[in-house]
Amino acid sequence: MMRRFPGKRLLRRGNDAAVGDLRDLIHNSRFLLAPYSWMLLVYSNPLSGWLKILNECCGLPPENCPGQARRDPQAAPAHRDLEMGLHGATDNALLDRSAEGNPEMPLLTGHRRIGRVDGDNWMRAHTGAFLSMARIRSESLIYASFRNDTVGQSPYAIVKDEEKQQVVLCIRGTLSLEDLLIDIAAEPCSLEDLGVECGFDGRQAYAHTGIVSVADWIRKDLARHGLLDAALSTNRGWGLTIVGHSLGAGAAALLGLMLKQQYASLRILCYSPPGALLSLRLAEEMEDYCLRYRLAVTMCG
């Protein structure tokens, strides 16, 4: 049985705008699945999943392993000189920013370059699975946080998509017990204070309390490490796309609302976002830059 949704744009053949949206949906779907990391990859590929992970992990910098020694900040210039000598001066602003901002941040070891990774396990299974599912080179991964041991934190990553010339910020959906606790924290939360802080009209506007906490945590984490700004300044003219699925879709929508004043060309792709996420007025104001994909089909018994 097909349900019709008045006022909503359905994907139809012959509608160029809808076809373009569908192509974006397909292209970026790999980025929304990748944050589920090794658990989804192994579940989807019981026989070959671990081989794919091990293949991606080969040659990754050992500096990404937990418990790495803290790098001496005074050694950062020499480390940058090494990187410059091996790879040239192209695209090093991001690495320079990383070394100056956080001496623990990995830059280069061996033959493969990779951005900073937080919260991975000892065999770097999260990172290997992410690279395999996103189908990107290791140097295209700018930042990934797989930390999910506290309610209000959600794994996310920042990657370079050279094919579309965009920086993609992808947020994971519900997977852990902590995520479930976020899902059920569905009381309405006022957005007035966040609106003042982020530059949107949050008066008489409300959103899902748990998802607001996730989006705000990611916003503050982005400000803390500064890698999103560095990536966009290094790749001038590129756009910013935020994608997420389920819980991650809700967080992507709210994060985009918080960041829109800072990044005018921002786009948001929400795959199966939760209902009753935020007030109708704000949802309608976001329609120009936030696309929400849902199946308009229900199964009736």
Protein backbone atom coordinates (compact mmCIF):
# COMPACT_ATOMS: atom_id res chain seq x y z
CA MET A 1 0.00 0.00 0.00
CA MET A 2 1.42 3.40 -0.99
CA ARG A 3 0.81 6.35 1.30
CA ARG A 4 0.81 9.86 -0.20
CA PHE A 5 2.43 12.74 1.64
CA PRO A 6 0.93 16.10 0.61
CA GLY A 7 3.53 18.83 0.16
CA LYS A 8 6.44 16.38 0.05
CA ARG A 9 8.53 15.80 -3.07
CA LEU A 10 8.49 12.18 -4.17
CA LEU A 11 11.27 10.80 -6.35
CA ARG A 12 9.91 10.35 -9.85
CA ARG A 13 11.56 9.47 -13.16
CA GLY A 14 11.83 12.52 -15.40
CA ASN A 15 12.20 15.00 -12.52
CA ASP A 16 15.77 16.25 -12.94
CA ALA A 17 15.98 17.73 -9.44
CA ALA A 18 14.70 14.52 -7.88
CA VAL A 19 17.09 12.42 -9.97
CA GLY A 20 20.01 14.59 -8.84
CA ASP A 21 18.92 14.15 -5.22
CA LEU A 22 18.73 10.39 -5.74
CA ARG A 23 22.24 10.34 -7.18
CA ASP A 24 23.50 12.21 -4.12
CA LEU A 25 21.67 9.70 -1.95
CA ILE A 26 23.39 6.78 -3.65
CA HIS A 27 26.84 8.38 -3.76
CA ASN A 28 26.86 9.39 -0.09
CA SER A 29 25.27 6.20 1.26
CA ARG A 30 28.73 4.66 1.73
CA PHE A 31 29.64 7.47 4.13
CA LEU A 32 26.58 6.94 6.30
CA LEU A 33 27.27 3.19 6.59
CA ALA A 34 31.02 3.46 7.24
CA PRO A 35 30.76 4.76 10.86
CA TYR A 36 29.07 1.48 11.86
CA SER A 37 32.60 0.10 11.26
CA TRP A 38 33.62 -3.50 11.79
CA MET A 39 30.36 -4.69 13.36
CA LEU A 40 28.31 -3.95 10.24
CA LEU A 41 31.06 -5.04 7.86
CA VAL A 42 31.49 -8.43 9.52
CA TYR A 43 27.73 -8.89 9.88
CA SER A 44 27.25 -8.14 6.16
CA ASN A 45 30.29 -10.19 5.09
CA PRO A 46 30.76 -13.03 7.60
CA LEU A 47 33.48 -14.73 5.56
CA SER A 48 35.36 -11.87 3.94
CA GLY A 49 34.73 -9.04 6.43
CA TRP A 50 37.81 -9.59 8.57
CA LEU A 51 39.99 -10.04 5.48
CA LYS A 52 38.83 -6.64 4.21
CA ILE A 53 39.61 -5.08 7.58
CA LEU A 54 43.08 -6.63 7.76
CA ASN A 55 43.80 -5.53 4.20
CA GLU A 56 42.98 -1.92 5.08
CA CYS A 57 44.89 -2.05 8.37
CA CYS A 58 48.14 -3.10 6.71
CA GLY A 59 50.49 -0.14 6.67
CA LEU A 60 48.41 2.14 8.89
CA PRO A 61 50.54 4.27 11.24
CA PRO A 62 51.21 2.50 14.55
CA GLU A 63 50.78 5.93 16.16
CA ASN A 64 47.03 5.37 15.90
CA CYS A 65 47.21 2.56 18.43
CA PRO A 66 45.81 3.35 21.90
CA GLY A 67 48.40 4.14 24.51
CA GLN A 68 50.77 5.84 22.10
CA ALA A 69 53.48 7.98 23.63
CA ARG A 70 52.78 11.70 23.74
CA ARG A 71 54.79 13.52 21.10
CA ASP A 72 57.02 16.34 22.15
CA PRO A 73 55.55 19.60 20.73
CA GLN A 74 59.10 20.79 19.98
CA ALA A 75 59.51 17.86 17.60
CA ALA A 76 56.56 18.87 15.43
CA PRO A 77 58.55 21.07 12.97
CA ALA A 78 61.01 18.27 12.24
CA HIS A 79 58.12 15.89 11.71
CA ARG A 80 56.56 18.31 9.26
CA ASP A 81 59.89 18.61 7.44
CA LEU A 82 59.91 14.83 7.03
CA GLU A 83 56.41 14.92 5.61
CA MET A 84 57.29 17.75 3.27
CA GLY A 85 60.28 15.83 1.98
CA LEU A 86 58.30 12.69 1.20
CA HIS A 87 55.09 14.18 -0.15
CA GLY A 88 55.95 17.73 -1.18
CA ALA A 89 54.24 20.91 -0.10
CA THR A 90 50.82 20.01 -1.51
CA ASP A 91 47.94 19.72 0.97
CA ASN A 92 50.08 20.10 4.08
CA ALA A 93 48.16 22.92 5.76
CA LEU A 94 45.89 20.37 7.38
CA LEU A 95 48.82 18.37 8.71
CA ASP A 96 50.56 21.50 9.99
CA ARG A 97 47.40 22.56 11.80
CA SER A 98 47.12 19.09 13.32
CA ALA A 99 50.67 19.07 14.64
CA GLU A 100 50.40 22.53 16.15
CA GLY A 101 46.97 21.95 17.68
CA ASN A 102 47.56 18.51 19.19
CA PRO A 103 50.99 16.90 19.56
CA GLU A 104 49.35 13.49 19.87
CA MET A 105 47.91 13.69 16.38
CA PRO A 106 49.40 11.19 13.94
CA LEU A 107 50.86 12.64 10.76
CA LEU A 108 52.94 10.16 8.82
CA THR A 109 54.56 6.79 9.40
CA GLY A 110 55.80 4.36 6.77
CA HIS A 111 54.06 4.56 3.41
CA ARG A 112 50.49 5.52 4.37
CA ARG A 113 49.23 8.81 5.71
CA ILE A 114 46.11 9.12 7.80
CA GLY A 115 44.37 11.71 9.94
CA ARG A 116 43.65 11.53 13.62
CA VAL A 117 41.67 8.57 14.95
CA ASP A 118 40.24 8.53 18.48
CA GLY A 119 38.73 5.58 20.31
CA ASP A 120 39.87 2.73 18.05
CA ASN A 121 40.84 -0.67 19.43
CA TRP A 122 44.32 -2.21 19.48
CA MET A 123 44.03 -3.78 16.00
CA ARG A 124 42.48 -0.63 14.46
CA ALA A 125 39.45 -2.63 13.31
CA HIS A 126 37.20 0.44 13.36
CA THR A 127 39.55 2.36 11.09
CA GLY A 128 40.12 -0.54 8.69
CA ALA A 129 36.40 -1.24 8.38
CA PHE A 130 35.63 2.44 7.89
CA LEU A 131 38.12 2.76 5.03
CA SER A 132 36.78 -0.39 3.40
CA MET A 133 33.11 0.59 3.63
CA ALA A 134 33.65 4.22 2.64
CA ARG A 135 35.91 3.10 -0.24
CA ILE A 136 38.44 5.86 0.39
CA ARG A 137 42.21 6.00 0.67
CA SER A 138 43.69 6.35 4.12
CA GLU A 139 44.88 9.90 3.43
CA SER A 140 41.26 10.94 2.69
CA LEU A 141 40.31 10.24 6.30
CA ILE A 142 40.79 13.54 8.11
CA TYR A 143 39.39 12.63 11.51
CA ALA A 144 37.40 9.81 13.09
CA SER A 145 36.05 9.43 16.60
CA PHE A 146 34.79 5.98 17.53
CA ARG A 147 34.22 6.88 21.18
CA ASN A 148 30.80 5.79 22.41
CA ASP A 149 31.32 5.00 26.08
CA THR A 150 29.40 8.02 27.39
CA VAL A 151 25.77 8.96 26.80
CA GLY A 152 25.75 12.02 24.53
CA GLN A 153 28.78 10.98 22.48
CA SER A 154 28.32 9.44 19.05
CA PRO A 155 30.94 8.17 16.58
CA TYR A 156 31.52 10.43 13.59
CA ALA A 157 34.15 11.06 10.95
CA ILE A 158 35.37 13.75 8.56
CA VAL A 159 36.53 12.64 5.11
CA LYS A 160 37.60 14.19 1.82
CA ASP A 161 35.48 13.19 -1.18
CA GLU A 162 37.59 14.15 -4.16
CA GLU A 163 35.07 12.82 -6.69
CA LYS A 164 32.41 15.33 -5.60
CA GLN A 165 34.91 17.90 -4.26
CA GLN A 166 33.29 17.98 -0.87
CA VAL A 167 34.21 17.44 2.75
CA VAL A 168 31.81 14.95 4.31
CA LEU A 169 30.99 14.75 8.00
CA CYS A 170 29.22 11.44 8.70
CA ILE A 171 27.49 10.49 11.95
CA ARG A 172 26.65 6.96 13.08
CA GLY A 173 23.14 5.87 13.98
CA THR A 174 21.90 3.73 16.86
CA LEU A 175 24.08 0.72 17.64
CA SER A 176 25.01 0.62 21.34
CA LEU A 177 23.20 0.74 24.67
CA GLU A 178 24.36 4.35 25.07
CA ASP A 179 22.68 5.15 21.76
CA LEU A 180 19.42 3.59 22.96
CA LEU A 181 19.51 5.80 26.05
CA ILE A 182 19.87 8.81 23.76
CA ASP A 183 16.92 7.62 21.67
CA ILE A 184 14.56 7.38 24.64
CA ALA A 185 15.54 10.81 26.00
CA ALA A 186 12.80 12.27 23.80
CA GLU A 187 11.58 15.12 25.98
CA PRO A 188 11.37 18.45 24.11
CA CYS A 189 14.40 20.67 24.67
CA SER A 190 14.27 24.43 24.12
CA LEU A 191 16.58 25.68 21.38
CA GLU A 192 16.49 29.32 22.44
CA ASP A 193 19.93 29.39 24.09
CA LEU A 194 21.52 27.36 21.28
CA GLY A 195 19.93 29.71 18.78
CA VAL A 196 21.58 32.70 20.41
CA GLU A 197 24.92 30.91 20.47
CA CYS A 198 24.77 29.56 16.91
CA GLY A 199 22.93 32.36 15.13
CA PHE A 200 19.49 30.89 14.34
CA ASP A 201 16.06 31.79 15.68
CA GLY A 202 15.43 29.28 18.45
CA ARG A 203 12.58 31.15 20.11
CA GLN A 204 9.58 28.93 20.76
CA ALA A 205 11.44 26.08 19.07
CA TYR A 206 12.09 22.65 20.52
CA ALA A 207 13.93 19.46 19.61
CA HIS A 208 14.63 15.92 20.84
CA THR A 209 16.69 16.31 24.04
CA GLY A 210 18.96 13.30 23.50
CA ILE A 211 19.76 14.12 19.87
CA VAL A 212 20.40 17.77 20.75
CA SER A 213 23.04 16.58 23.22
CA VAL A 214 24.76 14.50 20.51
CA ALA A 215 24.74 17.32 17.95
CA ASP A 216 26.03 19.84 20.48
CA TRP A 217 28.80 17.47 21.60
CA ILE A 218 29.97 17.05 17.99
CA ARG A 219 29.83 20.82 17.44
CA LYS A 220 32.04 21.42 20.46
CA ASP A 221 34.38 18.60 19.46
CA LEU A 222 34.77 20.16 15.99
CA ALA A 223 35.67 23.48 17.61
CA ARG A 224 38.12 21.72 19.92
CA HIS A 225 40.27 20.06 17.26
CA GLY A 226 39.61 22.50 14.40
CA LEU A 227 40.11 19.90 11.66
CA LEU A 228 36.91 20.68 9.78
CA ASP A 229 37.91 24.31 9.33
CA ALA A 230 41.41 23.23 8.33
CA ALA A 231 40.09 20.80 5.71
CA LEU A 232 37.81 23.39 4.14
CA SER A 233 40.51 26.05 4.10
CA THR A 234 42.95 23.61 2.50
CA ASN A 235 40.43 22.59 -0.16
CA ARG A 236 39.04 25.97 -1.13
CA GLY A 237 35.84 25.92 -3.14
CA TRP A 238 34.76 22.55 -1.76
CA GLY A 239 31.36 22.16 -0.14
CA LEU A 240 30.48 20.67 3.24
CA THR A 241 27.99 17.81 3.42
CA ILE A 242 26.72 16.32 6.68
CA VAL A 243 25.20 12.84 6.44
CA GLY A 244 23.67 10.52 8.99
CA HIS A 245 21.34 7.57 9.38
CA SER A 246 18.62 7.10 12.02
CA LEU A 247 19.92 8.70 15.22
CA GLY A 248 22.81 10.03 13.15
CA ALA A 249 20.35 11.61 10.71
CA GLY A 250 18.69 13.52 13.53
CA ALA A 251 22.09 14.62 14.83
CA ALA A 252 23.13 15.65 11.30
CA ALA A 253 20.03 17.84 10.92
CA LEU A 254 20.52 19.58 14.26
CA LEU A 255 24.27 19.94 13.77
CA GLY A 256 23.64 21.48 10.36
CA LEU A 257 21.21 23.92 11.92
CA MET A 258 23.90 24.92 14.43
CA LEU A 259 26.62 25.30 11.77
CA LYS A 260 24.66 26.88 8.91
CA GLN A 261 25.66 30.44 9.81
CA GLN A 262 29.31 29.40 9.81
CA TYR A 263 29.22 27.37 6.59
CA ALA A 264 26.83 28.97 4.09
CA SER A 265 27.18 26.22 1.46
CA LEU A 266 26.43 23.42 3.93
CA ARG A 267 24.13 20.58 2.85
CA ILE A 268 22.53 17.92 5.02
CA LEU A 269 21.47 14.45 3.89
CA CYS A 270 19.31 12.63 6.43
CA TYR A 271 18.63 8.95 5.84
CA SER A 272 15.54 7.72 7.72
CA PRO A 273 15.61 10.46 10.39
CA PRO A 274 13.51 10.00 13.53
CA GLY A 275 10.09 11.64 13.68
CA ALA A 276 9.25 14.48 16.04
CA LEU A 277 12.85 15.68 15.84
CA LEU A 278 12.31 19.43 16.00
CA SER A 279 9.65 22.11 15.70
CA LEU A 280 7.80 22.43 12.40
CA ARG A 281 8.89 26.03 11.80
CA LEU A 282 12.59 25.17 11.90
CA ALA A 283 12.06 22.05 9.81
CA GLU A 284 10.41 24.13 7.09
CA GLU A 285 13.17 26.76 7.24
CA MET A 286 15.77 24.03 6.66
CA GLU A 287 14.12 22.55 3.56
CA ASP A 288 16.44 24.40 1.15
CA TYR A 289 19.58 22.74 2.47
CA CYS A 290 18.39 19.64 4.35
CA LEU A 291 17.17 16.63 2.37
CA ARG A 292 15.34 13.90 4.25
CA TYR A 293 15.01 10.48 2.65
CA ARG A 294 12.29 8.10 3.77
CA LEU A 295 10.46 5.24 2.11
CA ALA A 296 6.83 6.21 1.45
CA VAL A 297 5.71 2.59 1.62
CA THR A 298 4.11 0.79 4.53
CA MET A 299 3.37 -2.92 4.85
CA CYS A 300 -0.22 -3.65 5.87
CA GLY A 301 -1.19 -7.01 7.32
